[in-house]
PDB file of N, CA and C in Angstrom:
ATOM      1  N   MET A   1       0.719  -1.216  -0.016  1.00  0.00           N
ATOM      2  CA  MET A   1       0.149   0.092  -0.178  1.00  0.00           C
ATOM      3  C   MET A   1       1.000   1.178  -0.085  1.00  0.00           C
ATOM      4  N   ILE A   2       2.000   1.286   0.860  1.00  0.00           N
ATOM      5  CA  ILE A   2       2.748   2.101   0.821  1.00  0.00           C
ATOM      6  C   ILE A   2       3.559   2.674  -0.386  1.00  0.00           C
ATOM      7  N   LEU A   3       3.873   1.480  -0.993  1.00  0.00           N
ATOM      8  CA  LEU A   3       4.592   1.505  -2.426  1.00  0.00           C
ATOM      9  C   LEU A   3       3.772   2.364  -3.334  1.00  0.00           C
ATOM     10  N   LYS A   4       2.594   1.687  -3.434  1.00  0.00           N
ATOM     11  CA  LYS A   4       1.580   2.620  -4.383  1.00  0.00           C
ATOM     12  C   LYS A   4       1.331   3.995  -4.154  1.00  0.00           C
ATOM     13  N   ALA A   5       1.335   4.523  -2.998  1.00  0.00           N
ATOM     14  CA  ALA A   5       1.360   6.013  -2.492  1.00  0.00           C
ATOM     15  C   ALA A   5       2.545   6.542  -2.967  1.00  0.00           C
ATOM     16  N   ILE A   6       4.000   5.986  -2.888  1.00  0.00           N
ATOM     17  CA  ILE A   6       5.093   6.588  -3.247  1.00  0.00           C
ATOM     18  C   ILE A   6       5.014   6.606  -4.629  1.00  0.00           C
ATOM     19  N   PHE A   7       4.615   5.567  -5.410  1.00  0.00           N
ATOM     20  CA  PHE A   7       4.707   5.591  -6.802  1.00  0.00           C
ATOM     21  C   PHE A   7       3.614   6.595  -7.572  1.00  0.00           C
ATOM     22  N   ALA A   8       2.588   6.761  -6.775  1.00  0.00           N
ATOM     23  CA  ALA A   8       1.694   7.431  -7.499  1.00  0.00           C
ATOM     24  C   ALA A   8       2.367   8.974  -7.102  1.00  0.00           C
ATOM     25  N   PHE A   9       3.070   9.229  -5.999  1.00  0.00           N
ATOM     26  CA  PHE A   9       3.418  10.717  -5.716  1.00  0.00           C
ATOM     27  C   PHE A   9       4.788  11.008  -6.655  1.00  0.00           C
ATOM     28  N   LEU A  10       5.534   9.951  -7.095  1.00  0.00           N
ATOM     29  CA  LEU A  10       6.292  10.164  -8.131  1.00  0.00           C
ATOM     30  C   LEU A  10       5.981  10.305  -9.384  1.00  0.00           C
ATOM     31  N   ALA A  11       4.842   9.758  -9.697  1.00  0.00           N
ATOM     32  CA  ALA A  11       4.211   9.932 -11.177  1.00  0.00           C
ATOM     33  C   ALA A  11       3.974  11.432 -11.279  1.00  0.00           C
ATOM     34  N   PHE A  12       3.065  11.701  -9.996  1.00  0.00           N
ATOM     35  CA  PHE A  12       2.429  13.057  -9.877  1.00  0.00           C
ATOM     36  C   PHE A  12       3.617  14.205 -10.103  1.00  0.00           C
ATOM     37  N   MET A  13       4.719  13.966  -9.522  1.00  0.00           N
ATOM     38  CA  MET A  13       5.976  14.751  -9.634  1.00  0.00           C
ATOM     39  C   MET A  13       6.501  15.058 -11.034  1.00  0.00           C
ATOM     40  N   ILE A  14       6.390  13.947 -11.593  1.00  0.00           N
ATOM     41  CA  ILE A  14       7.092  14.093 -12.959  1.00  0.00           C
ATOM     42  C   ILE A  14       5.885  14.704 -13.905  1.00  0.00           C
ATOM     43  N   VAL A  15       4.753  14.384 -13.721  1.00  0.00           N
ATOM     44  CA  VAL A  15       3.947  15.137 -14.524  1.00  0.00           C
ATOM     45  C   VAL A  15       3.868  16.858 -14.295  1.00  0.00           C
ATOM     46  N   LEU A  16       4.201  17.192 -12.976  1.00  0.00           N
ATOM     47  CA  LEU A  16       4.201  18.520 -12.837  1.00  0.00           C
ATOM     48  C   LEU A  16       5.487  19.102 -13.287  1.00  0.00           C
ATOM     49  N   GLY A  17       6.561  18.395 -13.327  1.00  0.00           N
ATOM     50  CA  GLY A  17       8.038  18.701 -14.051  1.00  0.00           C
ATOM     51  C   GLY A  17       7.642  18.878 -15.549  1.00  0.00           C
ATOM     52  N   ILE A  18       6.865  17.961 -16.060  1.00  0.00           N
ATOM     53  CA  ILE A  18       6.761  18.133 -17.646  1.00  0.00           C
ATOM     54  C   ILE A  18       6.049  19.445 -17.774  1.00  0.00           C
ATOM     55  N   PHE A  19       4.764  19.629 -17.059  1.00  0.00           N
ATOM     56  CA  PHE A  19       4.124  20.768 -17.396  1.00  0.00           C
ATOM     57  C   PHE A  19       4.807  22.041 -17.032  1.00  0.00           C
ATOM     58  N   GLY A  20       5.730  22.055 -16.304  1.00  0.00           N
ATOM     59  CA  GLY A  20       6.417  23.198 -15.595  1.00  0.00           C
ATOM     60  C   GLY A  20       7.272  23.523 -16.894  1.00  0.00           C
ATOM     61  N   LYS A  21       7.566  22.798 -17.587  1.00  0.00           N
ATOM     62  CA  LYS A  21       8.699  23.493 -18.578  1.00  0.00           C
ATOM     63  C   LYS A  21       7.920  23.971 -19.935  1.00  0.00           C
ATOM     64  N   ILE A  22       6.537  23.686 -19.925  1.00  0.00           N
ATOM     65  CA  ILE A  22       5.917  24.247 -20.911  1.00  0.00           C
ATOM     66  C   ILE A  22       5.827  25.733 -20.970  1.00  0.00           C
ATOM     67  N   ARG A  23       6.036  26.492 -22.095  1.00  0.00           N
ATOM     68  CA  ARG A  23       6.058  27.913 -22.105  1.00  0.00           C
ATOM     69  C   ARG A  23       4.703  28.294 -22.266  1.00  0.00           C
ATOM     70  N   PHE A  24       3.957  29.023 -21.201  1.00  0.00           N
ATOM     71  CA  PHE A  24       2.640  29.498 -21.133  1.00  0.00           C
ATOM     72  C   PHE A  24       2.611  30.615 -22.061  1.00  0.00           C
ATOM     73  N   PRO A  25       1.316  30.927 -22.726  1.00  0.00           N
ATOM     74  CA  PRO A  25       1.099  32.335 -23.773  1.00  0.00           C
ATOM     75  C   PRO A  25       1.323  33.509 -22.647  1.00  0.00           C
ATOM     76  N   GLY A  26       2.037  34.381 -23.469  1.00  0.00           N
ATOM     77  CA  GLY A  26       2.161  35.874 -22.552  1.00  0.00           C
ATOM     78  C   GLY A  26       3.499  35.893 -21.949  1.00  0.00           C
ATOM     79  N   GLN A  27       4.281  34.676 -21.965  1.00  0.00           N
ATOM     80  CA  GLN A  27       5.687  34.897 -21.241  1.00  0.00           C
ATOM     81  C   GLN A  27       6.494  35.675 -21.877  1.00  0.00           C
ATOM     82  N   GLU A  28       6.520  35.646 -23.344  1.00  0.00           N
ATOM     83  CA  GLU A  28       7.448  36.476 -24.093  1.00  0.00           C
ATOM     84  C   GLU A  28       7.033  38.023 -23.952  1.00  0.00           C
ATOM     85  N   ARG A  29       5.828  38.284 -23.992  1.00  0.00           N
ATOM     86  CA  ARG A  29       5.266  39.648 -23.882  1.00  0.00           C
ATOM     87  C   ARG A  29       5.677  40.190 -22.553  1.00  0.00           C
ATOM     88  N   LEU A  30       5.726  39.428 -21.728  1.00  0.00           N
ATOM     89  CA  LEU A  30       6.237  40.194 -20.192  1.00  0.00           C
ATOM     90  C   LEU A  30       7.664  40.254 -20.183  1.00  0.00           C
ATOM     91  N   ALA A  31       8.381  39.457 -20.711  1.00  0.00           N
ATOM     92  CA  ALA A  31       9.837  39.786 -20.968  1.00  0.00           C
ATOM     93  C   ALA A  31      10.228  40.797 -21.542  1.00  0.00           C
ATOM     94  N   ASN A  32       9.427  41.225 -22.493  1.00  0.00           N
ATOM     95  CA  ASN A  32       9.935  42.518 -23.405  1.00  0.00           C
ATOM     96  C   ASN A  32       9.321  43.594 -22.750  1.00  0.00           C
ATOM     97  N   ALA A  33       8.356  43.629 -21.685  1.00  0.00           N
ATOM     98  CA  ALA A  33       7.774  44.513 -21.101  1.00  0.00           C
ATOM     99  C   ALA A  33       8.784  45.034 -19.889  1.00  0.00           C
ATOM    100  N   LYS A  34       9.955  44.441 -19.752  1.00  0.00           N
ATOM    101  CA  LYS A  34      10.888  44.937 -18.733  1.00  0.00           C
ATOM    102  C   LYS A  34      12.233  45.687 -19.505  1.00  0.00           C
ATOM    103  N   CYS A  35      12.447  46.613 -18.615  1.00  0.00           N
ATOM    104  CA  CYS A  35      13.674  47.563 -19.070  1.00  0.00           C
ATOM    105  C   CYS A  35      14.873  46.702 -19.228  1.00  0.00           C
ATOM    106  N   LYS A  36      15.662  47.174 -20.202  1.00  0.00           N
ATOM    107  CA  LYS A  36      17.067  46.422 -20.430  1.00  0.00           C
ATOM    108  C   LYS A  36      17.982  46.904 -19.540  1.00  0.00           C
ATOM    109  N   LYS A  37      17.992  47.954 -19.013  1.00  0.00           N
ATOM    110  CA  LYS A  37      19.027  48.646 -18.116  1.00  0.00           C
ATOM    111  C   LYS A  37      18.794  48.095 -16.793  1.00  0.00           C
ATOM    112  N   CYS A  38      17.633  48.339 -16.072  1.00  0.00           N
ATOM    113  CA  CYS A  38      17.255  48.274 -14.923  1.00  0.00           C
ATOM    114  C   CYS A  38      16.382  47.100 -14.460  1.00  0.00           C
ATOM    115  N   ASN A  39      15.987  46.672 -15.475  1.00  0.00           N
ATOM    116  CA  ASN A  39      15.346  45.089 -15.217  1.00  0.00           C
ATOM    117  C   ASN A  39      13.815  45.386 -14.352  1.00  0.00           C
ATOM    118  N   ARG A  40      13.205  46.724 -14.772  1.00  0.00           N
ATOM    119  CA  ARG A  40      12.028  46.902 -14.000  1.00  0.00           C
ATOM    120  C   ARG A  40      11.020  46.774 -15.109  1.00  0.00           C
ATOM    121  N   TYR A  41       9.781  46.576 -14.682  1.00  0.00           N
ATOM    122  CA  TYR A  41       8.571  46.542 -15.668  1.00  0.00           C
ATOM    123  C   TYR A  41       8.190  47.923 -16.175  1.00  0.00           C
ATOM    124  N   ARG A  42       8.322  48.307 -17.435  1.00  0.00           N
ATOM    125  CA  ARG A  42       7.785  49.368 -17.887  1.00  0.00           C
ATOM    126  C   ARG A  42       6.386  49.282 -18.083  1.00  0.00           C
ATOM    127  N   ILE A  43       5.665  50.468 -17.676  1.00  0.00           N
ATOM    128  CA  ILE A  43       4.120  50.689 -17.873  1.00  0.00           C
ATOM    129  C   ILE A  43       3.939  51.554 -18.913  1.00  0.00           C
ATOM    130  N   GLY A  44       3.116  51.035 -20.011  1.00  0.00           N
ATOM    131  CA  GLY A  44       2.724  52.087 -20.993  1.00  0.00           C
ATOM    132  C   GLY A  44       3.946  51.853 -22.236  1.00  0.00           C
ATOM    133  N   LYS A  45       3.916  52.921 -23.058  1.00  0.00           N
ATOM    134  CA  LYS A  45       4.726  52.671 -24.320  1.00  0.00           C
ATOM    135  C   LYS A  45       5.950  53.788 -23.994  1.00  0.00           C
ATOM    136  N   GLY A  46       5.887  54.483 -23.096  1.00  0.00           N
ATOM    137  CA  GLY A  46       6.900  55.318 -23.021  1.00  0.00           C
ATOM    138  C   GLY A  46       8.176  54.753 -22.550  1.00  0.00           C
ATOM    139  N   PRO A  47       9.205  55.928 -22.273  1.00  0.00           N
ATOM    140  CA  PRO A  47      10.528  55.001 -21.906  1.00  0.00           C
ATOM    141  C   PRO A  47      10.512  54.959 -20.150  1.00  0.00           C
ATOM    142  N   CYS A  48      11.504  54.127 -19.818  1.00  0.00           N
ATOM    143  CA  CYS A  48      11.375  53.619 -18.369  1.00  0.00           C
ATOM    144  C   CYS A  48      11.989  54.889 -17.696  1.00  0.00           C
ATOM    145  N   VAL A  49      11.733  54.992 -16.260  1.00  0.00           N
ATOM    146  CA  VAL A  49      12.130  55.781 -15.510  1.00  0.00           C
ATOM    147  C   VAL A  49      13.549  56.110 -15.465  1.00  0.00           C
ATOM    148  N   CYS A  50      14.266  54.976 -15.452  1.00  0.00           N
ATOM    149  CA  CYS A  50      15.977  55.133 -15.586  1.00  0.00           C
ATOM    150  C   CYS A  50      16.485  55.862 -16.685  1.00  0.00           C
ATOM    151  N   GLU A  51      15.653  55.730 -17.944  1.00  0.00           N
ATOM    152  CA  GLU A  51      15.973  56.649 -19.164  1.00  0.00           C
ATOM    153  C   GLU A  51      15.752  58.189 -19.027  1.00  0.00           C
ATOM    154  N   LYS A  52      14.639  58.293 -18.149  1.00  0.00           N
ATOM    155  CA  LYS A  52      14.283  59.502 -17.898  1.00  0.00           C
ATOM    156  C   LYS A  52      15.157  60.334 -17.060  1.00  0.00           C
ATOM    157  N   GLY A  53      15.996  59.450 -16.260  1.00  0.00           N
ATOM    158  CA  GLY A  53      16.713  60.176 -15.075  1.00  0.00           C
ATOM    159  C   GLY A  53      15.877  60.638 -13.984  1.00  0.00           C
ATOM    160  N   GLN A  54      14.812  60.096 -13.554  1.00  0.00           N
ATOM    161  CA  GLN A  54      14.060  60.273 -12.311  1.00  0.00           C
ATOM    162  C   GLN A  54      14.027  59.205 -11.556  1.00  0.00           C
ATOM    163  N   GLY A  55      14.799  58.050 -11.753  1.00  0.00           N
ATOM    164  CA  GLY A  55      14.941  57.031 -10.877  1.00  0.00           C
ATOM    165  C   GLY A  55      16.133  56.645 -10.323  1.00  0.00           C
TER     166      GLY A  55
END
């Protein structure tokens, strides 16, 4: 009985690992929304605060 529980847990962890590697929609857009210099998220289409000299 304990062996079945252990194997079920290991199978569940393998499935989670497989799904964790899948790239979900929107990940690339979020990565592009970050500033290349300071790595902060930019809001809107304007320049980042670090480029304006206010941060």
